[in-house]
């Protein structure tokens, strides 16, 4: 990949982004199809490194909000995506110079590509999380004092709204309520930033990194590769293998605009510790085996197909899936005290301190 994103980049980008999405961020296949269509119609999108965004740039992130289980069946149109950006630009009386991703995830790394292609704007090669989280205020810009609002929200029926809120928590609450009324899926444009703020807040090189990661998994599937796809993910993400096994039970429900649930994975071979339990709210939050917690938010808990290394999102996880469950460290800023208050396990109601994902040096990689 050079200084542009093309239609051919979309499948590997979505695959890599789905890994960073930790089970959330929306369906990567749908996201790749939408972005590919937009790029085929409008041409390649220029990407700009975080370091090269001008100080006075006007950067508008855009994302899909709601329950991933609903997003699978309720695709936004290009008009719905651009409507949110246009509405925020009109409200602020500012012309955007760049589009950006606020989170890495299957569809939320490609929705901004759709917006950039349709609006003829460059895209920032970075994002505001380095992974995906379920709530709007759970972003690195919020830790740096950037407000979520004003934000624009649009739905598939043509409804458009602007929210000006007194805090980031209120932005999440009101936008979530509106999203539920809109059918549990909406498009939002939020966290309008200058280039200076983007350089301070963003995780750099997310999109180009996702393309490289996605392509490395593709290469690992060939006969020429001396490393399996799962081993490739382990190596490239410095991840820890938690279990390899089969999904034997899954409970999933859409509650208050989120996909919440639990999945049980029974390991092959040694079963003395019992199944691995995954707790998720759009994204995987806790991985637990027996009384032992193996990994927690803010670190990434990943579920991939054990043979192909293809990431499996929480809404796509099914009984009988043969999977590998991995854990990888989040961006270091997510381990600061303020970040733990915002996205740690206790925020989500789990009575545990964060458990950091570290890969043992002697872990089998082949």
Protein backbone atom coordinates (compact mmCIF):
# COMPACT_ATOMS: atom_id res chain seq x y z
CA UNK A 1 0.00 0.00 0.00
CA UNK A 2 1.32 3.43 -0.95
CA UNK A 3 -0.10 6.85 -0.12
CA UNK A 4 -3.58 5.84 -1.27
CA UNK A 5 -6.14 3.23 -0.35
CA UNK A 6 -7.63 1.27 -3.24
CA UNK A 7 -10.42 -1.25 -3.56
CA UNK A 8 -7.83 -4.06 -3.48
CA UNK A 9 -6.71 -2.94 -0.02
CA UNK A 10 -10.14 -3.32 1.55
CA UNK A 11 -10.24 -7.04 2.30
CA UNK A 12 -6.86 -7.16 4.08
CA UNK A 13 -7.57 -3.85 5.85
CA UNK A 14 -10.90 -5.10 7.17
CA UNK A 15 -9.30 -8.37 8.31
CA UNK A 16 -6.56 -6.57 10.22
CA UNK A 17 -9.02 -4.07 11.67
CA UNK A 18 -11.31 -6.86 12.84
CA UNK A 19 -8.40 -8.24 14.86
CA UNK A 20 -7.80 -4.86 16.50
CA UNK A 21 -11.54 -4.60 17.06
CA UNK A 22 -11.36 -7.32 19.75
CA UNK A 23 -14.60 -8.86 18.51
CA UNK A 24 -16.34 -5.51 17.99
CA UNK A 25 -16.35 -2.64 15.55
CA UNK A 26 -18.83 -4.27 13.19
CA UNK A 27 -18.73 -6.92 10.48
CA UNK A 28 -15.47 -6.73 8.48
CA UNK A 29 -16.95 -8.41 5.38
CA UNK A 30 -19.77 -5.87 5.14
CA UNK A 31 -17.38 -3.01 5.82
CA UNK A 32 -15.01 -4.15 3.10
CA UNK A 33 -17.85 -4.46 0.56
CA UNK A 34 -19.13 -0.96 1.30
CA UNK A 35 -15.68 0.62 1.09
CA UNK A 36 -14.77 -1.32 -2.05
CA UNK A 37 -17.93 -0.10 -3.77
CA UNK A 38 -17.23 3.51 -2.81
CA UNK A 39 -13.61 3.32 -3.99
CA UNK A 40 -14.58 1.69 -7.28
CA UNK A 41 -17.07 4.50 -7.89
CA UNK A 42 -14.99 7.44 -6.67
CA UNK A 43 -11.39 6.30 -7.09
CA UNK A 44 -8.61 5.79 -4.52
CA UNK A 45 -8.53 7.75 -1.26
CA UNK A 46 -5.40 9.62 -0.21
CA UNK A 47 -4.10 8.71 3.23
CA UNK A 48 -2.07 11.10 5.35
CA UNK A 49 0.14 10.05 8.26
CA UNK A 50 -0.75 11.45 11.67
CA UNK A 51 2.54 13.38 11.68
CA UNK A 52 1.72 15.07 8.36
CA UNK A 53 -1.74 16.39 9.24
CA UNK A 54 -1.44 20.22 9.24
CA UNK A 55 -1.87 22.05 12.55
CA UNK A 56 -4.94 23.90 11.28
CA UNK A 57 -6.62 20.88 9.68
CA UNK A 58 -10.30 20.27 10.41
CA UNK A 59 -10.58 16.53 11.07
CA UNK A 60 -13.99 14.85 11.29
CA UNK A 61 -14.07 11.24 12.51
CA UNK A 62 -17.11 9.23 11.42
CA UNK A 63 -18.35 5.85 12.67
CA UNK A 64 -21.26 3.48 12.88
CA UNK A 65 -22.91 3.30 16.30
CA UNK A 66 -25.14 0.57 17.72
CA UNK A 67 -25.41 -3.17 18.13
CA UNK A 68 -23.21 -5.14 15.68
CA UNK A 69 -25.90 -7.82 15.51
CA UNK A 70 -28.20 -5.23 13.91
CA UNK A 71 -25.53 -3.74 11.63
CA UNK A 72 -25.24 -7.06 9.81
CA UNK A 73 -28.80 -6.73 8.48
CA UNK A 74 -29.12 -2.94 8.31
CA UNK A 75 -26.46 -1.47 6.08
CA UNK A 76 -26.03 2.30 5.86
CA UNK A 77 -26.06 4.01 2.49
CA UNK A 78 -23.29 6.33 1.31
CA UNK A 79 -25.80 9.17 1.72
CA UNK A 80 -26.36 8.27 5.37
CA UNK A 81 -22.61 8.29 6.01
CA UNK A 82 -21.99 11.65 4.35
CA UNK A 83 -25.13 13.16 5.91
CA UNK A 84 -23.59 12.94 9.39
CA UNK A 85 -20.37 14.63 8.26
CA UNK A 86 -22.25 17.33 6.35
CA UNK A 87 -24.54 18.00 9.31
CA UNK A 88 -21.64 18.45 11.73
CA UNK A 89 -19.84 20.71 9.24
CA UNK A 90 -22.94 22.85 8.89
CA UNK A 91 -23.47 23.07 12.63
CA UNK A 92 -19.86 24.10 13.29
CA UNK A 93 -19.74 26.27 10.16
CA UNK A 94 -16.45 24.63 9.29
CA UNK A 95 -15.36 22.77 6.17
CA UNK A 96 -13.68 19.45 6.96
CA UNK A 97 -10.23 18.94 5.47
CA UNK A 98 -9.74 15.31 6.56
CA UNK A 99 -11.83 12.30 7.59
CA UNK A 100 -10.66 9.93 10.32
CA UNK A 101 -11.44 6.69 12.17
CA UNK A 102 -12.27 7.03 15.84
CA UNK A 103 -11.81 3.29 16.43
CA UNK A 104 -10.24 0.29 14.77
CA UNK A 105 -12.80 -2.37 13.96
CA UNK A 106 -14.20 -4.26 11.00
CA UNK A 107 -16.79 -1.75 9.80
CA UNK A 108 -15.60 1.29 11.74
CA UNK A 109 -12.27 1.25 9.94
CA UNK A 110 -14.03 1.22 6.58
CA UNK A 111 -16.99 3.60 7.13
CA UNK A 112 -14.54 6.55 7.17
CA UNK A 113 -13.13 5.32 3.85
CA UNK A 114 -16.65 5.48 2.41
CA UNK A 115 -16.99 9.05 3.69
CA UNK A 116 -13.57 10.09 2.40
CA UNK A 117 -14.24 8.64 -1.05
CA UNK A 118 -17.69 10.21 -1.35
CA UNK A 119 -16.56 13.62 -0.05
CA UNK A 120 -13.24 13.69 -1.91
CA UNK A 121 -11.24 14.17 1.30
CA UNK A 122 -7.99 12.58 2.51
CA UNK A 123 -8.07 10.07 5.33
CA UNK A 124 -5.86 10.12 8.40
CA UNK A 125 -3.74 6.96 8.78
CA UNK A 126 -4.51 6.42 12.45
CA UNK A 127 -7.40 6.12 14.86
CA UNK A 128 -8.55 7.31 18.27
CA UNK A 129 -8.30 3.99 20.15
CA UNK A 130 -5.90 1.51 18.56
CA UNK A 131 -8.72 -1.01 19.07
CA UNK A 132 -12.52 -0.83 19.49
CA UNK A 133 -14.58 0.00 22.59
CA UNK A 134 -18.37 -0.03 22.98
CA UNK A 135 -19.07 3.54 24.18
CA UNK A 136 -18.46 6.90 22.51
CA UNK A 137 -16.42 8.46 25.30
CA UNK A 138 -14.00 5.51 25.36
CA UNK A 139 -11.45 7.15 23.09
CA UNK A 140 -7.98 8.62 23.55
CA UNK A 141 -9.14 12.11 22.49
CA UNK A 142 -11.47 12.11 25.53
CA UNK A 143 -8.47 11.42 27.78
CA UNK A 144 -6.80 14.50 26.26
CA UNK A 145 -9.81 16.71 26.95
CA UNK A 146 -11.45 16.67 23.52
CA UNK A 147 -15.24 16.62 23.78
CA UNK A 148 -17.34 14.01 21.98
CA UNK A 149 -19.91 16.68 21.14
CA UNK A 150 -21.09 18.46 19.23
CA UNK A 151 -21.91 15.34 17.30
CA UNK A 152 -24.14 14.64 14.34
CA UNK A 153 -26.24 11.50 14.06
CA UNK A 154 -28.10 10.12 11.02
CA UNK A 155 -30.24 7.09 10.30
CA UNK A 156 -31.39 5.10 7.30
CA UNK A 157 -34.72 6.95 7.14
CA UNK A 158 -33.17 10.38 6.61
CA UNK A 159 -33.42 11.61 10.20
CA UNK A 160 -30.49 13.82 11.20
CA UNK A 161 -29.76 15.30 14.61
CA UNK A 162 -27.15 17.42 16.36
CA UNK A 163 -26.30 16.87 20.02
CA UNK A 164 -24.61 19.48 22.21
CA UNK A 165 -23.98 17.88 25.59
CA UNK A 166 -22.56 18.98 28.93
CA UNK A 167 -20.20 15.99 29.16
CA UNK A 168 -18.93 13.01 27.20
CA UNK A 169 -21.02 10.63 29.28
CA UNK A 170 -24.14 12.58 28.34
CA UNK A 171 -23.11 12.41 24.69
CA UNK A 172 -22.97 8.61 24.94
CA UNK A 173 -26.28 8.36 26.81
CA UNK A 174 -28.26 10.62 24.49
CA UNK A 175 -26.72 9.31 21.27
CA UNK A 176 -27.29 5.73 22.46
CA UNK A 177 -30.96 6.49 23.19
CA UNK A 178 -31.36 8.07 19.76
CA UNK A 179 -29.61 5.10 18.13
CA UNK A 180 -31.98 2.65 19.83
CA UNK A 181 -34.95 4.67 18.51
CA UNK A 182 -33.32 4.68 15.07
CA UNK A 183 -33.38 0.89 15.05
CA UNK A 184 -30.19 0.20 17.06
CA UNK A 185 -27.92 1.43 14.27
CA UNK A 186 -26.83 4.94 13.28
CA UNK A 187 -23.96 6.91 11.78
CA UNK A 188 -22.22 9.51 13.94
CA UNK A 189 -19.64 12.19 13.24
CA UNK A 190 -17.97 13.38 16.43
CA UNK A 191 -14.73 14.47 18.13
CA UNK A 192 -14.06 17.23 15.58
CA UNK A 193 -10.36 18.02 15.98
CA UNK A 194 -7.50 20.15 14.70
CA UNK A 195 -4.37 18.56 13.30
CA UNK A 196 -2.54 19.45 16.49
CA UNK A 197 -5.11 17.53 18.54
CA UNK A 198 -4.95 14.55 16.19
CA UNK A 199 -1.18 14.29 16.63
CA UNK A 200 -1.61 14.38 20.40
CA UNK A 201 -4.49 11.88 20.59
CA UNK A 202 -4.31 9.40 17.75
CA UNK A 203 -2.63 6.01 17.49
CA UNK A 204 -0.57 6.38 14.28
CA UNK A 205 -0.44 4.11 11.23
CA UNK A 206 -3.52 2.08 12.16
CA UNK A 207 -4.90 1.69 8.64
CA UNK A 208 -1.61 0.88 6.92
CA UNK A 209 -0.83 -1.51 9.77
CA UNK A 210 -4.16 -3.27 9.33
CA UNK A 211 -3.47 -3.77 5.62
CA UNK A 212 -0.07 -5.30 6.38
CA UNK A 213 -1.52 -7.54 9.08
CA UNK A 214 -4.37 -8.69 6.85
CA UNK A 215 -2.01 -9.51 4.00
CA UNK A 216 0.39 -11.38 6.26
CA UNK A 217 -2.48 -13.67 7.31
CA UNK A 218 -3.30 -14.27 3.65
CA UNK A 219 0.33 -15.24 2.95
CA UNK A 220 0.35 -17.58 5.94
CA UNK A 221 -2.46 -19.57 4.33
CA UNK A 222 -0.31 -20.50 1.33
CA UNK A 223 1.74 -23.66 0.99
CA UNK A 224 4.91 -21.59 0.78
CA UNK A 225 4.47 -20.24 4.32
CA UNK A 226 6.41 -21.87 7.16
CA UNK A 227 4.12 -20.32 9.79
CA UNK A 228 0.41 -20.94 10.41
CA UNK A 229 -2.10 -18.06 10.25
CA UNK A 230 -2.67 -18.18 14.02
CA UNK A 231 1.08 -18.18 14.66
CA UNK A 232 1.36 -15.19 12.34
CA UNK A 233 -1.21 -13.27 14.38
CA UNK A 234 0.57 -14.25 17.59
CA UNK A 235 3.88 -12.99 16.27
CA UNK A 236 2.71 -9.79 14.60
CA UNK A 237 0.56 -8.69 17.54
CA UNK A 238 2.92 -10.03 20.25
CA UNK A 239 -0.13 -11.89 21.49
CA UNK A 240 -0.68 -14.64 24.05
CA UNK A 241 -2.53 -17.86 23.16
CA UNK A 242 -5.23 -18.47 25.77
CA UNK A 243 -6.92 -21.56 24.34
CA UNK A 244 -7.54 -23.54 21.17
CA UNK A 245 -10.87 -25.34 21.06
CA UNK A 246 -14.53 -25.36 20.10
CA UNK A 247 -17.34 -22.96 20.92
CA UNK A 248 -19.78 -25.12 22.88
CA UNK A 249 -22.26 -22.47 24.01
CA UNK A 250 -23.06 -18.85 23.29
CA UNK A 251 -25.66 -16.50 24.72
CA UNK A 252 -26.12 -13.20 22.94
CA UNK A 253 -28.75 -10.50 23.32
CA UNK A 254 -29.24 -6.93 22.15
CA UNK A 255 -29.64 -4.71 25.22
CA UNK A 256 -29.76 -0.88 25.22
CA UNK A 257 -28.10 -0.68 21.82
CA UNK A 258 -25.30 -3.17 22.64
CA UNK A 259 -24.69 -6.81 21.80
CA UNK A 260 -24.05 -8.41 25.20
CA UNK A 261 -23.34 -12.02 26.01
CA UNK A 262 -21.04 -14.86 26.97
CA UNK A 263 -19.35 -17.63 24.99
CA UNK A 264 -17.85 -20.91 26.26
CA UNK A 265 -14.84 -22.44 24.51
CA UNK A 266 -13.78 -25.98 25.41
CA UNK A 267 -10.10 -26.65 24.85
CA UNK A 268 -8.56 -29.53 23.00
CA UNK A 269 -6.46 -31.85 25.15
CA UNK A 270 -6.12 -30.72 28.78
CA UNK A 271 -9.57 -29.81 30.12
CA UNK A 272 -8.72 -29.83 33.81
CA UNK A 273 -9.25 -26.08 34.07
CA UNK A 274 -12.64 -26.25 32.38
CA UNK A 275 -13.87 -24.15 29.46
CA UNK A 276 -12.78 -20.61 28.73
CA UNK A 277 -15.60 -18.10 29.29
CA UNK A 278 -15.68 -14.93 27.18
CA UNK A 279 -17.78 -11.99 28.40
CA UNK A 280 -18.54 -9.34 25.80
CA UNK A 281 -20.36 -6.04 25.25
CA UNK A 282 -19.88 -5.56 21.51
CA UNK A 283 -16.17 -6.22 22.25
CA UNK A 284 -14.69 -9.02 24.36
CA UNK A 285 -14.08 -7.67 27.86
CA UNK A 286 -13.09 -10.64 30.05
CA UNK A 287 -11.52 -14.04 29.36
CA UNK A 288 -11.88 -16.38 32.32
CA UNK A 289 -11.11 -20.04 32.96
CA UNK A 290 -12.44 -21.45 36.19
CA UNK A 291 -11.71 -18.90 38.89
CA UNK A 292 -8.72 -17.53 37.01
CA UNK A 293 -9.08 -14.38 34.91
CA UNK A 294 -6.66 -14.61 31.99
CA UNK A 295 -7.16 -11.26 30.27
CA UNK A 296 -9.35 -8.19 30.60
CA UNK A 297 -10.13 -4.88 29.00
CA UNK A 298 -8.36 -2.59 28.14
CA UNK A 299 -6.20 -5.26 26.52
CA UNK A 300 -7.45 -6.99 23.39
CA UNK A 301 -9.13 -10.40 23.51
CA UNK A 302 -9.25 -11.89 20.02
CA UNK A 303 -11.12 -14.87 18.61
CA UNK A 304 -9.90 -16.27 15.29
CA UNK A 305 -10.58 -19.36 13.22
CA UNK A 306 -7.95 -21.88 14.32
CA UNK A 307 -7.14 -22.94 10.75
CA UNK A 308 -7.37 -19.73 8.72
CA UNK A 309 -6.64 -17.05 11.33
CA UNK A 310 -9.74 -15.18 10.18
CA UNK A 311 -11.05 -12.94 12.99
CA UNK A 312 -14.52 -13.78 14.27
CA UNK A 313 -16.62 -10.92 15.63
CA UNK A 314 -18.93 -11.31 18.63
CA UNK A 315 -22.02 -11.24 16.41
CA UNK A 316 -20.60 -13.91 14.09
CA UNK A 317 -19.45 -16.34 16.80
CA UNK A 318 -21.43 -19.60 16.56
CA UNK A 319 -21.74 -22.98 18.26
CA UNK A 320 -19.23 -25.39 16.79
CA UNK A 321 -16.69 -22.79 15.67
CA UNK A 322 -13.15 -24.17 15.99
CA UNK A 323 -11.24 -21.20 17.33
CA UNK A 324 -8.09 -19.88 18.90
CA UNK A 325 -8.53 -17.23 21.59
CA UNK A 326 -5.66 -14.78 21.95
CA UNK A 327 -4.88 -11.74 24.10
CA UNK A 328 -2.71 -8.79 23.10
CA UNK A 329 -1.63 -5.62 24.86
CA UNK A 330 -3.50 -2.39 24.15
CA UNK A 331 -1.84 0.94 23.41
CA UNK A 332 0.15 2.01 26.52
CA UNK A 333 -2.10 5.03 27.14
CA UNK A 334 -4.94 2.65 27.97
CA UNK A 335 -3.01 1.51 31.04
CA UNK A 336 -2.87 4.91 32.72
CA UNK A 337 -5.03 5.41 35.86
CA UNK A 338 -7.49 7.73 34.06
CA UNK A 339 -7.86 5.27 31.19
CA UNK A 340 -8.50 2.35 33.54
CA UNK A 341 -11.32 4.34 35.14
CA UNK A 342 -12.78 4.85 31.67
CA UNK A 343 -12.41 1.37 30.14
CA UNK A 344 -11.20 -1.00 32.86
CA UNK A 345 -13.21 -4.06 33.94
CA UNK A 346 -14.75 -2.32 36.95
CA UNK A 347 -16.40 0.26 34.67
CA UNK A 348 -18.29 -2.62 33.04
CA UNK A 349 -19.34 -4.12 36.37
CA UNK A 350 -16.65 -6.81 36.81
CA UNK A 351 -15.09 -6.97 40.27
CA UNK A 352 -11.48 -7.36 39.16
CA UNK A 353 -8.47 -5.24 38.43
CA UNK A 354 -7.11 -5.30 34.87
CA UNK A 355 -5.14 -8.37 33.86
CA UNK A 356 -2.49 -7.44 31.32
CA UNK A 357 -1.92 -9.65 28.30
CA UNK A 358 1.71 -10.70 27.91
CA UNK A 359 3.01 -13.47 25.68
CA UNK A 360 5.28 -16.02 27.38
CA UNK A 361 8.73 -16.07 25.77
CA UNK A 362 8.57 -19.83 25.30
CA UNK A 363 5.10 -19.85 23.73
CA UNK A 364 4.80 -22.21 20.77
CA UNK A 365 4.49 -20.17 17.57
CA UNK A 366 4.18 -22.77 14.83
